[in-house]
Amino acid sequence: MKKTKSILKRIRQNERHRSRNRSNVSQYKTAVKKLEVVIEQKDAAAAKGMLPGVVGTLDKAVSKTILSKKSASRKKSSLMRRINALG
């Protein structure tokens, strides 16, 4: 395949975008996992304290098109239901 300037530029851009996307995906997944650990420990106060940060992380992922709006909404809803069940 011929490597024109535009192809080389796209390769560079794709690598840059890939590293940013991986970082953002890792960030929101880590936040969700930490909250799930707290929920498993049945610590309602700590879970309610962490929830706004996790919701913000999910919203940031949506704004960067890392996660779809519906997917983030589903995750937030599921986490909130589990926290409310703790009491």
N, C-alpha and C. Protein backbone atom coordinates (compact mmCIF):
# COMPACT_ATOMS: atom_id res chain seq x y z
N MET A 1 0.84 -1.18 0.00
CA MET A 1 0.00 0.00 0.00
C MET A 1 0.89 1.25 0.00
N LYS A 2 0.51 2.19 -0.80
CA LYS A 2 1.27 3.43 -0.91
C LYS A 2 1.06 4.28 0.35
N LYS A 3 2.14 4.85 0.85
CA LYS A 3 2.02 5.65 2.07
C LYS A 3 2.14 7.13 1.73
N THR A 4 1.01 7.72 1.44
CA THR A 4 0.98 9.14 1.14
C THR A 4 1.04 9.93 2.45
N LYS A 5 1.18 11.24 2.32
CA LYS A 5 1.24 12.08 3.51
C LYS A 5 -0.04 11.96 4.33
N SER A 6 -1.17 11.91 3.65
CA SER A 6 -2.45 11.85 4.37
C SER A 6 -2.60 10.53 5.12
N ILE A 7 -2.11 9.45 4.53
CA ILE A 7 -2.19 8.15 5.21
C ILE A 7 -1.30 8.15 6.44
N LEU A 8 -0.10 8.70 6.32
CA LEU A 8 0.80 8.78 7.47
C LEU A 8 0.20 9.64 8.58
N LYS A 9 -0.46 10.73 8.19
CA LYS A 9 -1.10 11.60 9.17
C LYS A 9 -2.22 10.86 9.89
N ARG A 10 -3.05 10.11 9.15
CA ARG A 10 -4.14 9.35 9.75
C ARG A 10 -3.60 8.31 10.72
N ILE A 11 -2.48 7.69 10.38
CA ILE A 11 -1.86 6.70 11.27
C ILE A 11 -1.46 7.36 12.59
N ARG A 12 -0.83 8.54 12.48
CA ARG A 12 -0.43 9.27 13.69
C ARG A 12 -1.64 9.66 14.52
N GLN A 13 -2.69 10.15 13.86
CA GLN A 13 -3.89 10.56 14.57
C GLN A 13 -4.56 9.37 15.26
N ASN A 14 -4.63 8.26 14.55
CA ASN A 14 -5.27 7.07 15.12
C ASN A 14 -4.54 6.59 16.36
N GLU A 15 -3.22 6.63 16.34
CA GLU A 15 -2.45 6.23 17.52
C GLU A 15 -2.71 7.17 18.69
N ARG A 16 -2.76 8.46 18.41
CA ARG A 16 -3.00 9.45 19.45
C ARG A 16 -4.40 9.27 20.05
N HIS A 17 -5.40 9.11 19.18
CA HIS A 17 -6.77 8.94 19.65
C HIS A 17 -6.93 7.64 20.44
N ARG A 18 -6.26 6.60 19.97
CA ARG A 18 -6.35 5.30 20.64
C ARG A 18 -5.83 5.39 22.07
N SER A 19 -4.70 6.07 22.26
CA SER A 19 -4.13 6.18 23.60
C SER A 19 -5.03 7.02 24.51
N ARG A 20 -5.62 8.08 23.97
CA ARG A 20 -6.54 8.90 24.77
C ARG A 20 -7.78 8.11 25.14
N ASN A 21 -8.34 7.40 24.17
CA ASN A 21 -9.55 6.63 24.43
C ASN A 21 -9.28 5.55 25.48
N ARG A 22 -8.15 4.87 25.38
CA ARG A 22 -7.83 3.82 26.35
C ARG A 22 -7.71 4.41 27.75
N SER A 23 -7.12 5.58 27.85
CA SER A 23 -6.98 6.24 29.14
C SER A 23 -8.35 6.57 29.73
N ASN A 24 -9.23 7.13 28.91
CA ASN A 24 -10.56 7.50 29.39
C ASN A 24 -11.40 6.29 29.74
N VAL A 25 -11.32 5.24 28.95
CA VAL A 25 -12.06 4.01 29.24
C VAL A 25 -11.59 3.43 30.56
N SER A 26 -10.28 3.40 30.74
CA SER A 26 -9.70 2.88 31.98
C SER A 26 -10.17 3.69 33.18
N GLN A 27 -10.23 5.00 33.01
CA GLN A 27 -10.62 5.89 34.10
C GLN A 27 -12.06 5.62 34.55
N TYR A 28 -13.00 5.50 33.60
CA TYR A 28 -14.38 5.30 34.03
C TYR A 28 -14.61 3.88 34.54
N LYS A 29 -13.92 2.90 33.96
CA LYS A 29 -14.09 1.52 34.44
C LYS A 29 -13.54 1.37 35.85
N THR A 30 -12.41 2.00 36.13
CA THR A 30 -11.82 1.94 37.46
C THR A 30 -12.75 2.58 38.49
N ALA A 31 -13.34 3.72 38.14
CA ALA A 31 -14.25 4.40 39.06
C ALA A 31 -15.45 3.52 39.37
N VAL A 32 -16.01 2.89 38.35
CA VAL A 32 -17.18 2.03 38.55
C VAL A 32 -16.81 0.82 39.41
N LYS A 33 -15.65 0.23 39.15
CA LYS A 33 -15.22 -0.94 39.92
C LYS A 33 -15.02 -0.59 41.39
N LYS A 34 -14.42 0.57 41.67
CA LYS A 34 -14.21 0.98 43.06
C LYS A 34 -15.54 1.15 43.78
N LEU A 35 -16.52 1.74 43.09
CA LEU A 35 -17.84 1.91 43.69
C LEU A 35 -18.50 0.56 43.92
N GLU A 36 -18.35 -0.36 42.99
CA GLU A 36 -18.94 -1.69 43.15
C GLU A 36 -18.34 -2.43 44.34
N VAL A 37 -17.04 -2.23 44.59
CA VAL A 37 -16.40 -2.85 45.76
C VAL A 37 -17.03 -2.31 47.03
N VAL A 38 -17.25 -1.01 47.09
CA VAL A 38 -17.86 -0.39 48.27
C VAL A 38 -19.29 -0.90 48.45
N ILE A 39 -20.02 -1.06 47.35
CA ILE A 39 -21.39 -1.57 47.42
C ILE A 39 -21.38 -3.01 47.95
N GLU A 40 -20.42 -3.82 47.48
CA GLU A 40 -20.32 -5.21 47.94
C GLU A 40 -20.04 -5.27 49.45
N GLN A 41 -19.33 -4.27 49.97
CA GLN A 41 -19.03 -4.23 51.41
C GLN A 41 -20.21 -3.69 52.21
N LYS A 42 -21.27 -3.32 51.51
CA LYS A 42 -22.51 -2.81 52.11
C LYS A 42 -22.29 -1.55 52.95
N ASP A 43 -21.42 -0.68 52.46
CA ASP A 43 -21.14 0.60 53.12
C ASP A 43 -21.93 1.69 52.39
N ALA A 44 -23.17 1.92 52.85
CA ALA A 44 -24.07 2.84 52.16
C ALA A 44 -23.55 4.27 52.16
N ALA A 45 -23.02 4.71 53.29
CA ALA A 45 -22.55 6.10 53.39
C ALA A 45 -21.40 6.37 52.42
N ALA A 46 -20.45 5.46 52.38
CA ALA A 46 -19.30 5.64 51.49
C ALA A 46 -19.74 5.56 50.03
N ALA A 47 -20.68 4.66 49.74
CA ALA A 47 -21.16 4.50 48.36
C ALA A 47 -21.88 5.77 47.91
N LYS A 48 -22.70 6.34 48.79
CA LYS A 48 -23.42 7.57 48.42
C LYS A 48 -22.44 8.73 48.24
N GLY A 49 -21.36 8.72 48.99
CA GLY A 49 -20.34 9.76 48.85
C GLY A 49 -19.56 9.64 47.54
N MET A 50 -19.34 8.41 47.09
CA MET A 50 -18.58 8.18 45.86
C MET A 50 -19.43 8.36 44.60
N LEU A 51 -20.73 8.20 44.73
CA LEU A 51 -21.61 8.19 43.56
C LEU A 51 -21.49 9.43 42.67
N PRO A 52 -21.50 10.65 43.22
CA PRO A 52 -21.40 11.82 42.33
C PRO A 52 -20.13 11.84 41.48
N GLY A 53 -19.02 11.38 42.04
CA GLY A 53 -17.78 11.33 41.29
C GLY A 53 -17.84 10.33 40.14
N VAL A 54 -18.46 9.18 40.40
CA VAL A 54 -18.59 8.15 39.37
C VAL A 54 -19.53 8.62 38.27
N VAL A 55 -20.62 9.26 38.67
CA VAL A 55 -21.58 9.78 37.68
C VAL A 55 -20.89 10.83 36.81
N GLY A 56 -20.08 11.68 37.42
CA GLY A 56 -19.34 12.68 36.65
C GLY A 56 -18.37 12.05 35.67
N THR A 57 -17.72 10.97 36.11
CA THR A 57 -16.78 10.27 35.24
C THR A 57 -17.51 9.65 34.05
N LEU A 58 -18.68 9.07 34.30
CA LEU A 58 -19.47 8.48 33.21
C LEU A 58 -19.94 9.57 32.25
N ASP A 59 -20.37 10.71 32.79
CA ASP A 59 -20.82 11.81 31.93
C ASP A 59 -19.67 12.35 31.08
N LYS A 60 -18.48 12.39 31.66
CA LYS A 60 -17.31 12.85 30.91
C LYS A 60 -17.01 11.88 29.76
N ALA A 61 -17.16 10.58 30.02
CA ALA A 61 -16.94 9.57 28.98
C ALA A 61 -17.96 9.74 27.85
N VAL A 62 -19.19 10.11 28.21
CA VAL A 62 -20.23 10.34 27.19
C VAL A 62 -19.87 11.56 26.35
N SER A 63 -19.40 12.62 27.01
CA SER A 63 -19.09 13.85 26.27
C SER A 63 -17.90 13.64 25.33
N LYS A 64 -17.04 12.68 25.65
CA LYS A 64 -15.90 12.39 24.78
C LYS A 64 -16.19 11.25 23.82
N THR A 65 -17.45 10.85 23.75
CA THR A 65 -17.95 9.77 22.89
C THR A 65 -17.21 8.45 23.11
N ILE A 66 -16.79 8.21 24.33
CA ILE A 66 -16.17 6.94 24.70
C ILE A 66 -17.28 5.94 25.01
N LEU A 67 -18.37 6.46 25.54
CA LEU A 67 -19.49 5.64 25.98
C LEU A 67 -20.76 6.27 25.42
N SER A 68 -21.72 5.45 25.03
CA SER A 68 -22.96 6.02 24.49
C SER A 68 -23.81 6.55 25.64
N LYS A 69 -24.69 7.47 25.33
CA LYS A 69 -25.54 8.11 26.33
C LYS A 69 -26.41 7.09 27.05
N LYS A 70 -26.99 6.17 26.29
CA LYS A 70 -27.87 5.16 26.88
C LYS A 70 -27.09 4.19 27.75
N SER A 71 -25.92 3.84 27.33
CA SER A 71 -25.08 2.92 28.08
C SER A 71 -24.71 3.53 29.44
N ALA A 72 -24.32 4.78 29.44
CA ALA A 72 -23.97 5.47 30.67
C ALA A 72 -25.19 5.59 31.58
N SER A 73 -26.32 5.89 30.99
CA SER A 73 -27.56 6.03 31.75
C SER A 73 -27.91 4.71 32.43
N ARG A 74 -27.73 3.62 31.70
CA ARG A 74 -28.02 2.29 32.23
C ARG A 74 -27.08 1.96 33.40
N LYS A 75 -25.81 2.30 33.27
CA LYS A 75 -24.84 2.04 34.33
C LYS A 75 -25.17 2.87 35.58
N LYS A 76 -25.49 4.15 35.37
CA LYS A 76 -25.82 5.02 36.49
C LYS A 76 -27.06 4.52 37.22
N SER A 77 -28.08 4.15 36.45
CA SER A 77 -29.33 3.66 37.03
C SER A 77 -29.10 2.40 37.85
N SER A 78 -28.32 1.49 37.31
CA SER A 78 -28.04 0.23 37.99
C SER A 78 -27.29 0.47 39.30
N LEU A 79 -26.29 1.36 39.26
CA LEU A 79 -25.53 1.66 40.47
C LEU A 79 -26.41 2.34 41.52
N MET A 80 -27.25 3.27 41.08
CA MET A 80 -28.13 3.97 42.03
C MET A 80 -29.13 3.02 42.67
N ARG A 81 -29.67 2.08 41.88
CA ARG A 81 -30.60 1.10 42.43
C ARG A 81 -29.92 0.25 43.50
N ARG A 82 -28.69 -0.17 43.22
CA ARG A 82 -27.96 -1.00 44.18
C ARG A 82 -27.64 -0.22 45.46
N ILE A 83 -27.32 1.06 45.33
CA ILE A 83 -27.02 1.88 46.50
C ILE A 83 -28.28 2.12 47.32
N ASN A 84 -29.39 2.41 46.65
CA ASN A 84 -30.64 2.64 47.36
C ASN A 84 -31.12 1.38 48.07
N ALA A 85 -30.80 0.22 47.55
CA ALA A 85 -31.18 -1.04 48.19
C ALA A 85 -30.41 -1.25 49.50
N LEU A 86 -29.24 -0.62 49.61
CA LEU A 86 -28.46 -0.74 50.84
C LEU A 86 -29.15 -0.04 52.01
N GLY A 87 -29.88 1.02 51.69
CA GLY A 87 -30.61 1.72 52.73
C GLY A 87 -30.06 3.07 53.08
